Amino acid sequence: MKYAVVYQSGKNNARAVAENIYNEIRSNSKVLVDVEKTSRIPDADMYIIGGSVHNDSCDFGVIRAIAGLSNAKIALFAVSSGPVSQKLARRVEDNLRIWVSAFSEYRGFRLFEPAGRNGISREVRDFLYEMTSEAFALA
């Protein structure tokens, strides 16, 4: 299975989480894509897309990446610069999920605090496990 971790990062928080996600995927067939550097999203079997939270959503590059996919497996993530709550997570997920094509398989969403807080690697592993058990091997 081929994975694409696609992100946009304003203050490098989303980049750090995207890199953690990428590093935790146990596959040789994976790519890390910064939408600020390229608008081309490579073909993949599973897309994990996210960015920094702004006004209860993510920047346009993330939205464009989500909206540009059809017939894909898609998991979403976002990184808050402040405290994470269920209410904020629901708002951000709702604002991103509307861009997922009806023809795609939506796998879910996770709102992260900035990398470095509260054991992000464990949280990333939990996220990947929830989204696809094929993505990594339990240690």
N, C-alpha and C. Protein backbone atom coordinates (compact mmCIF):
# COMPACT_ATOMS: atom_id res chain seq x y z
N MET A 1 0.85 -1.17 0.00
CA MET A 1 0.00 0.00 0.00
C MET A 1 0.89 1.24 0.00
N LYS A 2 0.54 2.22 -0.82
CA LYS A 2 1.30 3.46 -0.92
C LYS A 2 0.61 4.56 -0.13
N TYR A 3 1.39 5.30 0.66
CA TYR A 3 0.87 6.34 1.53
C TYR A 3 1.41 7.71 1.11
N ALA A 4 0.57 8.72 1.20
CA ALA A 4 0.98 10.11 0.99
C ALA A 4 0.58 10.90 2.23
N VAL A 5 1.57 11.47 2.90
CA VAL A 5 1.32 12.37 4.03
C VAL A 5 1.47 13.77 3.46
N VAL A 6 0.36 14.49 3.43
CA VAL A 6 0.30 15.79 2.78
C VAL A 6 0.00 16.84 3.84
N TYR A 7 0.78 17.93 3.84
CA TYR A 7 0.60 18.92 4.90
C TYR A 7 0.92 20.33 4.43
N GLN A 8 0.45 21.29 5.22
CA GLN A 8 0.81 22.69 5.09
C GLN A 8 1.05 23.20 6.50
N SER A 9 2.17 23.87 6.70
CA SER A 9 2.54 24.27 8.05
C SER A 9 2.93 25.73 8.10
N GLY A 10 2.24 26.49 8.95
CA GLY A 10 2.55 27.90 9.10
C GLY A 10 3.75 28.14 10.00
N LYS A 11 3.77 27.50 11.16
CA LYS A 11 4.84 27.72 12.14
C LYS A 11 5.63 26.45 12.43
N ASN A 12 5.62 25.52 11.50
CA ASN A 12 6.36 24.25 11.58
C ASN A 12 5.74 23.24 12.54
N ASN A 13 4.67 23.57 13.25
CA ASN A 13 4.03 22.59 14.12
C ASN A 13 3.41 21.45 13.31
N ALA A 14 2.69 21.79 12.24
CA ALA A 14 2.08 20.76 11.41
C ALA A 14 3.14 19.96 10.67
N ARG A 15 4.22 20.61 10.28
CA ARG A 15 5.32 19.88 9.63
C ARG A 15 5.89 18.83 10.56
N ALA A 16 6.09 19.19 11.83
CA ALA A 16 6.64 18.24 12.80
C ALA A 16 5.70 17.05 13.00
N VAL A 17 4.40 17.30 13.08
CA VAL A 17 3.44 16.21 13.23
C VAL A 17 3.41 15.37 11.95
N ALA A 18 3.40 16.01 10.78
CA ALA A 18 3.42 15.27 9.51
C ALA A 18 4.66 14.39 9.41
N GLU A 19 5.80 14.91 9.81
CA GLU A 19 7.03 14.11 9.78
C GLU A 19 6.94 12.93 10.75
N ASN A 20 6.33 13.15 11.92
CA ASN A 20 6.11 12.05 12.87
C ASN A 20 5.22 10.98 12.26
N ILE A 21 4.15 11.40 11.62
CA ILE A 21 3.24 10.46 10.97
C ILE A 21 4.00 9.68 9.90
N TYR A 22 4.71 10.39 9.05
CA TYR A 22 5.49 9.76 7.97
C TYR A 22 6.48 8.74 8.54
N ASN A 23 7.19 9.10 9.59
CA ASN A 23 8.20 8.21 10.18
C ASN A 23 7.59 6.99 10.84
N GLU A 24 6.35 7.09 11.31
CA GLU A 24 5.69 5.97 11.97
C GLU A 24 5.06 4.98 10.99
N ILE A 25 4.87 5.38 9.75
CA ILE A 25 4.30 4.47 8.75
C ILE A 25 5.35 3.45 8.38
N ARG A 26 5.03 2.19 8.56
CA ARG A 26 5.95 1.10 8.29
C ARG A 26 5.73 0.59 6.87
N SER A 27 6.22 1.37 5.93
CA SER A 27 6.12 1.01 4.52
C SER A 27 7.26 1.69 3.78
N ASN A 28 7.76 1.04 2.75
CA ASN A 28 8.76 1.66 1.89
C ASN A 28 8.11 2.49 0.80
N SER A 29 6.80 2.39 0.71
CA SER A 29 6.06 3.09 -0.32
C SER A 29 5.28 4.24 0.32
N LYS A 30 5.99 5.33 0.57
CA LYS A 30 5.37 6.48 1.22
C LYS A 30 6.07 7.75 0.75
N VAL A 31 5.33 8.85 0.81
CA VAL A 31 5.87 10.14 0.39
C VAL A 31 5.35 11.22 1.33
N LEU A 32 6.18 12.22 1.58
CA LEU A 32 5.83 13.37 2.41
C LEU A 32 5.76 14.58 1.49
N VAL A 33 4.60 15.26 1.48
CA VAL A 33 4.37 16.35 0.53
C VAL A 33 4.00 17.63 1.27
N ASP A 34 4.78 18.68 1.05
CA ASP A 34 4.50 20.01 1.58
C ASP A 34 3.78 20.79 0.49
N VAL A 35 2.51 21.10 0.67
CA VAL A 35 1.73 21.77 -0.37
C VAL A 35 2.17 23.22 -0.59
N GLU A 36 3.01 23.74 0.29
CA GLU A 36 3.55 25.08 0.05
C GLU A 36 4.69 25.03 -0.97
N LYS A 37 5.24 23.83 -1.20
CA LYS A 37 6.34 23.67 -2.15
C LYS A 37 5.90 23.08 -3.47
N THR A 38 4.78 22.38 -3.48
CA THR A 38 4.26 21.79 -4.71
C THR A 38 2.74 21.66 -4.62
N SER A 39 2.08 21.81 -5.74
CA SER A 39 0.64 21.60 -5.77
C SER A 39 0.31 20.20 -6.29
N ARG A 40 1.33 19.47 -6.72
CA ARG A 40 1.12 18.12 -7.25
C ARG A 40 1.05 17.11 -6.11
N ILE A 41 -0.08 16.43 -6.00
CA ILE A 41 -0.27 15.39 -5.00
C ILE A 41 -0.08 14.06 -5.72
N PRO A 42 0.91 13.27 -5.33
CA PRO A 42 1.16 12.00 -6.03
C PRO A 42 0.06 10.98 -5.77
N ASP A 43 -0.03 10.00 -6.66
CA ASP A 43 -0.99 8.92 -6.48
C ASP A 43 -0.61 8.10 -5.25
N ALA A 44 -1.62 7.69 -4.50
CA ALA A 44 -1.41 6.86 -3.31
C ALA A 44 -2.68 6.07 -3.03
N ASP A 45 -2.55 5.05 -2.22
CA ASP A 45 -3.72 4.27 -1.79
C ASP A 45 -4.38 4.91 -0.58
N MET A 46 -3.57 5.61 0.23
CA MET A 46 -4.06 6.23 1.47
C MET A 46 -3.42 7.60 1.59
N TYR A 47 -4.26 8.61 1.83
CA TYR A 47 -3.79 9.98 2.02
C TYR A 47 -4.05 10.40 3.46
N ILE A 48 -3.03 10.96 4.08
CA ILE A 48 -3.16 11.52 5.43
C ILE A 48 -2.82 13.00 5.28
N ILE A 49 -3.83 13.85 5.43
CA ILE A 49 -3.72 15.26 5.05
C ILE A 49 -4.02 16.15 6.24
N GLY A 50 -3.20 17.19 6.42
CA GLY A 50 -3.48 18.12 7.50
C GLY A 50 -2.63 19.36 7.50
N GLY A 51 -2.87 20.19 8.51
CA GLY A 51 -2.13 21.43 8.63
C GLY A 51 -2.45 22.12 9.94
N SER A 52 -1.97 23.33 10.04
CA SER A 52 -2.18 24.14 11.24
C SER A 52 -3.61 24.69 11.26
N VAL A 53 -4.15 24.83 12.45
CA VAL A 53 -5.52 25.34 12.62
C VAL A 53 -5.52 26.86 12.52
N HIS A 54 -6.42 27.37 11.67
CA HIS A 54 -6.67 28.81 11.54
C HIS A 54 -8.18 28.98 11.40
N ASN A 55 -8.78 29.73 12.29
CA ASN A 55 -10.22 30.00 12.22
C ASN A 55 -11.04 28.70 12.08
N ASP A 56 -10.73 27.73 12.92
CA ASP A 56 -11.46 26.45 12.95
C ASP A 56 -11.36 25.65 11.66
N SER A 57 -10.31 25.85 10.90
CA SER A 57 -10.07 25.08 9.69
C SER A 57 -8.57 25.07 9.43
N CYS A 58 -8.17 24.72 8.22
CA CYS A 58 -6.76 24.77 7.82
C CYS A 58 -6.63 25.69 6.61
N ASP A 59 -5.41 26.01 6.25
CA ASP A 59 -5.16 26.89 5.11
C ASP A 59 -5.65 26.29 3.80
N PHE A 60 -5.72 27.14 2.79
CA PHE A 60 -6.28 26.75 1.49
C PHE A 60 -5.52 25.60 0.84
N GLY A 61 -4.21 25.51 1.05
CA GLY A 61 -3.44 24.42 0.45
C GLY A 61 -3.93 23.06 0.90
N VAL A 62 -4.30 22.96 2.17
CA VAL A 62 -4.84 21.70 2.71
C VAL A 62 -6.21 21.42 2.11
N ILE A 63 -7.05 22.43 2.08
CA ILE A 63 -8.40 22.28 1.52
C ILE A 63 -8.32 21.88 0.05
N ARG A 64 -7.43 22.53 -0.71
CA ARG A 64 -7.25 22.19 -2.13
C ARG A 64 -6.79 20.74 -2.30
N ALA A 65 -5.89 20.28 -1.43
CA ALA A 65 -5.41 18.90 -1.50
C ALA A 65 -6.56 17.92 -1.23
N ILE A 66 -7.38 18.21 -0.22
CA ILE A 66 -8.51 17.34 0.12
C ILE A 66 -9.51 17.31 -1.03
N ALA A 67 -9.88 18.50 -1.51
CA ALA A 67 -10.91 18.62 -2.54
C ALA A 67 -10.47 18.04 -3.88
N GLY A 68 -9.17 17.95 -4.10
CA GLY A 68 -8.65 17.45 -5.37
C GLY A 68 -8.62 15.94 -5.48
N LEU A 69 -9.01 15.24 -4.43
CA LEU A 69 -8.97 13.77 -4.44
C LEU A 69 -10.36 13.18 -4.56
N SER A 70 -10.46 12.09 -5.29
CA SER A 70 -11.70 11.35 -5.41
C SER A 70 -11.35 9.87 -5.46
N ASN A 71 -12.25 9.03 -4.98
CA ASN A 71 -12.00 7.59 -4.94
C ASN A 71 -10.71 7.28 -4.18
N ALA A 72 -10.54 7.91 -3.03
CA ALA A 72 -9.33 7.75 -2.23
C ALA A 72 -9.69 7.46 -0.78
N LYS A 73 -8.76 6.83 -0.09
CA LYS A 73 -8.87 6.68 1.37
C LYS A 73 -8.20 7.90 1.97
N ILE A 74 -8.94 8.63 2.82
CA ILE A 74 -8.43 9.90 3.34
C ILE A 74 -8.61 9.96 4.86
N ALA A 75 -7.52 10.27 5.55
CA ALA A 75 -7.55 10.59 6.98
C ALA A 75 -7.06 12.02 7.12
N LEU A 76 -7.64 12.76 8.05
CA LEU A 76 -7.29 14.17 8.23
C LEU A 76 -6.71 14.41 9.61
N PHE A 77 -5.82 15.40 9.68
CA PHE A 77 -5.30 15.84 10.97
C PHE A 77 -5.11 17.34 10.94
N ALA A 78 -5.07 17.92 12.12
CA ALA A 78 -4.79 19.35 12.26
C ALA A 78 -3.99 19.53 13.54
N VAL A 79 -3.27 20.65 13.60
CA VAL A 79 -2.44 20.95 14.76
C VAL A 79 -2.85 22.32 15.30
N SER A 80 -3.27 22.33 16.56
CA SER A 80 -3.70 23.56 17.21
C SER A 80 -2.51 24.19 17.92
N SER A 81 -2.42 25.51 17.86
CA SER A 81 -1.34 26.19 18.59
C SER A 81 -1.70 26.39 20.05
N GLY A 82 -2.95 26.13 20.38
CA GLY A 82 -3.41 26.30 21.76
C GLY A 82 -3.98 25.01 22.30
N PRO A 83 -4.73 25.12 23.39
CA PRO A 83 -5.31 23.94 24.01
C PRO A 83 -6.27 23.20 23.06
N VAL A 84 -6.25 21.88 23.14
CA VAL A 84 -7.11 21.04 22.32
C VAL A 84 -8.34 20.64 23.14
N SER A 85 -9.51 20.81 22.54
CA SER A 85 -10.75 20.39 23.19
C SER A 85 -11.58 19.60 22.19
N GLN A 86 -12.54 18.83 22.70
CA GLN A 86 -13.42 18.08 21.81
C GLN A 86 -14.25 19.02 20.95
N LYS A 87 -14.65 20.13 21.52
CA LYS A 87 -15.46 21.10 20.78
C LYS A 87 -14.67 21.67 19.60
N LEU A 88 -13.42 22.06 19.83
CA LEU A 88 -12.58 22.57 18.76
C LEU A 88 -12.32 21.48 17.73
N ALA A 89 -12.02 20.28 18.18
CA ALA A 89 -11.76 19.17 17.25
C ALA A 89 -12.97 18.93 16.34
N ARG A 90 -14.17 18.95 16.90
CA ARG A 90 -15.38 18.74 16.10
C ARG A 90 -15.55 19.85 15.06
N ARG A 91 -15.32 21.09 15.46
CA ARG A 91 -15.47 22.21 14.51
C ARG A 91 -14.47 22.10 13.37
N VAL A 92 -13.21 21.82 13.71
CA VAL A 92 -12.17 21.71 12.67
C VAL A 92 -12.48 20.54 11.75
N GLU A 93 -12.83 19.39 12.33
CA GLU A 93 -13.15 18.23 11.50
C GLU A 93 -14.33 18.53 10.57
N ASP A 94 -15.37 19.13 11.09
CA ASP A 94 -16.53 19.47 10.26
C ASP A 94 -16.15 20.38 9.11
N ASN A 95 -15.28 21.37 9.37
CA ASN A 95 -14.88 22.32 8.35
C ASN A 95 -13.93 21.72 7.31
N LEU A 96 -13.23 20.65 7.66
CA LEU A 96 -12.37 19.98 6.68
C LEU A 96 -13.09 18.86 5.95
N ARG A 97 -13.92 18.15 6.68
CA ARG A 97 -14.58 16.97 6.10
C ARG A 97 -15.50 17.32 4.94
N ILE A 98 -16.07 18.51 4.95
CA ILE A 98 -16.97 18.89 3.86
C ILE A 98 -16.26 18.90 2.51
N TRP A 99 -14.93 18.94 2.51
CA TRP A 99 -14.17 18.96 1.26
C TRP A 99 -13.83 17.56 0.75
N VAL A 100 -14.10 16.53 1.55
CA VAL A 100 -13.83 15.15 1.14
C VAL A 100 -14.92 14.71 0.16
N SER A 101 -14.50 14.22 -1.00
CA SER A 101 -15.43 13.77 -2.03
C SER A 101 -16.34 12.66 -1.50
N ALA A 102 -17.58 12.68 -1.96
CA ALA A 102 -18.52 11.61 -1.60
C ALA A 102 -18.07 10.27 -2.14
N PHE A 103 -17.16 10.28 -3.10
CA PHE A 103 -16.64 9.05 -3.70
C PHE A 103 -15.41 8.53 -2.97
N SER A 104 -14.94 9.26 -1.97
CA SER A 104 -13.77 8.84 -1.20
C SER A 104 -14.19 8.15 0.08
N GLU A 105 -13.27 7.39 0.64
CA GLU A 105 -13.51 6.70 1.91
C GLU A 105 -12.86 7.53 3.01
N TYR A 106 -13.69 8.16 3.82
CA TYR A 106 -13.20 9.00 4.91
C TYR A 106 -12.85 8.12 6.10
N ARG A 107 -11.59 8.21 6.57
CA ARG A 107 -11.11 7.35 7.64
C ARG A 107 -11.16 8.00 9.03
N GLY A 108 -11.23 9.33 9.10
CA GLY A 108 -11.32 9.97 10.39
C GLY A 108 -10.40 11.17 10.53
N PHE A 109 -10.36 11.71 11.75
CA PHE A 109 -9.68 12.97 12.02
C PHE A 109 -9.06 12.93 13.41
N ARG A 110 -7.93 13.64 13.54
CA ARG A 110 -7.30 13.82 14.86
C ARG A 110 -6.76 15.25 14.94
N LEU A 111 -7.04 15.91 16.06
CA LEU A 111 -6.49 17.23 16.36
C LEU A 111 -5.35 17.05 17.34
N PHE A 112 -4.16 17.50 16.96
CA PHE A 112 -2.97 17.37 17.78
C PHE A 112 -2.59 18.70 18.41
N GLU A 113 -1.93 18.62 19.55
CA GLU A 113 -1.22 19.77 20.09
C GLU A 113 0.10 19.84 19.35
N PRO A 114 0.83 20.98 19.44
CA PRO A 114 2.13 21.06 18.76
C PRO A 114 3.05 19.92 19.18
N ALA A 115 3.88 19.47 18.24
CA ALA A 115 4.83 18.39 18.51
C ALA A 115 5.70 18.76 19.70
N GLY A 116 6.06 17.76 20.46
CA GLY A 116 6.88 17.99 21.63
C GLY A 116 6.08 18.02 22.91
N ARG A 117 4.77 18.22 22.79
CA ARG A 117 3.91 18.22 23.97
C ARG A 117 3.24 16.86 24.11
N ASN A 118 3.16 16.37 25.31
CA ASN A 118 2.36 15.19 25.65
C ASN A 118 2.64 13.95 24.80
N GLY A 119 3.90 13.66 24.51
CA GLY A 119 4.24 12.43 23.82
C GLY A 119 3.62 12.27 22.46
N ILE A 120 3.96 13.13 21.52
CA ILE A 120 3.33 13.16 20.20
C ILE A 120 3.52 11.84 19.46
N SER A 121 4.64 11.15 19.66
CA SER A 121 4.86 9.89 18.94
C SER A 121 3.80 8.86 19.30
N ARG A 122 3.47 8.76 20.57
CA ARG A 122 2.43 7.82 20.99
C ARG A 122 1.08 8.22 20.40
N GLU A 123 0.80 9.51 20.41
CA GLU A 123 -0.47 10.00 19.86
C GLU A 123 -0.55 9.73 18.36
N VAL A 124 0.58 9.90 17.66
CA VAL A 124 0.63 9.61 16.23
C VAL A 124 0.39 8.13 15.97
N ARG A 125 1.02 7.26 16.75
CA ARG A 125 0.80 5.82 16.60
C ARG A 125 -0.67 5.46 16.82
N ASP A 126 -1.29 6.05 17.84
CA ASP A 126 -2.70 5.80 18.10
C ASP A 126 -3.56 6.25 16.91
N PHE A 127 -3.25 7.42 16.37
CA PHE A 127 -3.97 7.96 15.22
C PHE A 127 -3.85 7.01 14.03
N LEU A 128 -2.64 6.57 13.73
CA LEU A 128 -2.44 5.66 12.60
C LEU A 128 -3.18 4.34 12.81
N TYR A 129 -3.17 3.86 14.02
CA TYR A 129 -3.87 2.61 14.31
C TYR A 129 -5.37 2.76 14.06
N GLU A 130 -5.91 3.90 14.46
CA GLU A 130 -7.34 4.16 14.24
C GLU A 130 -7.67 4.31 12.76
N MET A 131 -6.77 4.90 11.99
CA MET A 131 -7.04 5.19 10.59
C MET A 131 -6.79 3.99 9.67
N THR A 132 -5.73 3.24 9.98
CA THR A 132 -5.41 2.06 9.17
C THR A 132 -4.43 1.18 9.89
N SER A 133 -4.84 0.00 10.22
CA SER A 133 -3.94 -0.93 10.91
C SER A 133 -2.86 -1.45 9.98
N GLU A 134 -2.96 -1.18 8.67
CA GLU A 134 -1.96 -1.63 7.71
C GLU A 134 -0.72 -0.73 7.72
N ALA A 135 -0.82 0.45 8.31
CA ALA A 135 0.23 1.45 8.16
C ALA A 135 1.47 1.20 9.02
N PHE A 136 1.35 0.42 10.06
CA PHE A 136 2.50 0.24 10.93
C PHE A 136 2.40 -1.09 11.67
N ALA A 137 3.53 -1.51 12.17
CA ALA A 137 3.57 -2.74 12.96
C ALA A 137 3.72 -2.38 14.43
N LEU A 138 2.91 -2.98 15.29
CA LEU A 138 3.03 -2.72 16.72
C LEU A 138 4.34 -3.25 17.25
N ALA A 139 4.99 -2.46 18.06
CA ALA A 139 6.28 -2.87 18.63
C ALA A 139 6.07 -3.79 19.80
